[in-house]
């Protein structure tokens, strides 16, 4: 899994080959210049130690060279850091963009099976943690590898015997790093999962804080949060403890390398095969050689965490999309509003049917009300009509077109939908009414708001239609939020309408006014009305009474009351 994930990361990075080339080239140049400094220092030491008279002219010349090289190293490292940051943040941008794009096209089955916070954690937190490891990789890995290779070459050129000692001890450091990295990966995976659970829980609690307070459930929630938080603490400590062994382990091996170089170098000096300056250079190279191992093992450890996070993000990106659009779908679709259900069967759980053998013929302009107890299939019927889900059997047709043969956008563009659950975003009242769509004048927006009886409360807001509301309209009442959602539909007035408990959060007097507006809006348009409050559906042309996924009664209000069946009992239970 780790190798596959790493390949996917590299595939994203390969889009920025030029920047990678710049970074790699500057890594080589910086490493070589850094290795050239000890040579200059060694020459300066030999100028002082090996001659009876100090060659000040040569020392001054060497000093100028050192200053020039150090300034060049600083400049190249600065440019390299810019390139590495650009690579990292462009890769992160692409990954997050692909994750969000895939999120837009995932089937509702996936979204229904996951907690919102868990998905948010993948798109935000996991990508951020992934970027940290990626940046460290580009910043330290390239330079470290180049430094190790160049140092080895120079050491072999200087004294191959001492260089062989260094090479012989090197695998010990690599083995320690590999051993620890393998074990830390699983701990980082557990840590990432615990972090996602914590994010999901916090997101859920913030979204339902009023319910928590209403039921005085704060203490119970605190206990659950403490459990999740403790689990994150335990997994984090284990991951950190295991990964923290890397640095001491590799430093111990590297100190052995340094001591071995010093010992063999001292013998070489005594035998006359190496100068004092040469030994200083070799010791410096031994330090330059071992230092990248410390950095690389730290990078490898951090990469374990990054790869775990990347794995979770790529799992989202690679989730199977909803069924592709039909290649033969018409380019444009302007239905009149004739809707047919033919032998429709559907279930969320494939082992248990929710809707079976559903047949329904709806003529253009009819108002169809759907009633029934909770779980009878009312909202499911709407989900199928909007093609949030595809039927298991049978077909739903609009103007003779099977929904599966139409583009989802064309279907949804032709339905105006007002749901019981309101959705408002952080922005102005105007933006929430138009949802960012252009082409509407102020007069049209105000007219739609007046038709939905929202204008009166909007004009009382501090800045009227330019008043900024918080996420999900937190500073508005539930009724006001629903009025804004109704205004959206009033503004566009598509050929078909879906009103799913559209007036459930509005007081009775406002409901009467809105019903009049709805009656005008529904005139000549095929409309589906889902309601528990039967007072809102008396004027419907057809009332479908659903129970256990079946239509058990069908007719208008008077006909169903005359039958004295399920609808009769349901109606009397509300108005008796």
Foldseek 3Di string as FASTA:
>chain_A
DLVVLVVVLVVLLVVPVVLLVLLLVLLLVLLVLVLVLLVLVLVQVCQVPVDPDRPVVSNVVSVVVNVVSVVVSVVSLVSSLVSLVVSLVSSLVVLLVLLVVLVVFAFVLVVVVDQPLLSVCLSPVLSVLLSVLSSLCSNQVSNLVSNQVVLLVVVCVLPVVLSVVLVVLVVQLVVLLVVLLVVLLVLLLQLSVLVSVLRSLVVVCVVCVVVCVVVVVVVVSVVVNVVSVVSNVVSVCVSCVSLVVSLVSLVVSLVVSLVSLLVVVVVCVVVVNAPPSRSSSNSVSSCSNSVSSSSVSNSSSSVSNSSSSSVSSVVSSPPDGDDDAAPQADPADAFQFWKWFAQFWADSDVVDTQAGGDTDTDDFLFEEEEEEDPSLCQVVVVCCQLPSDDTPDTFMDTVRHTPSNHDSVNSVLQEQEQALQFFAAFFFLLCRLQVPDDDDDPVLLLVLLVLLVLQVVQVVDPVRRRDTAHGRRPVDASQNRLSSSSSSCSSSLHQEYEQHQSCVRPDPVSLVSNLVSVVVSSGRHHYYYYHLQCVSFQPGQKYFYGGSNYGPDMGHPVVVCVVCPPVVVSNVVVVD
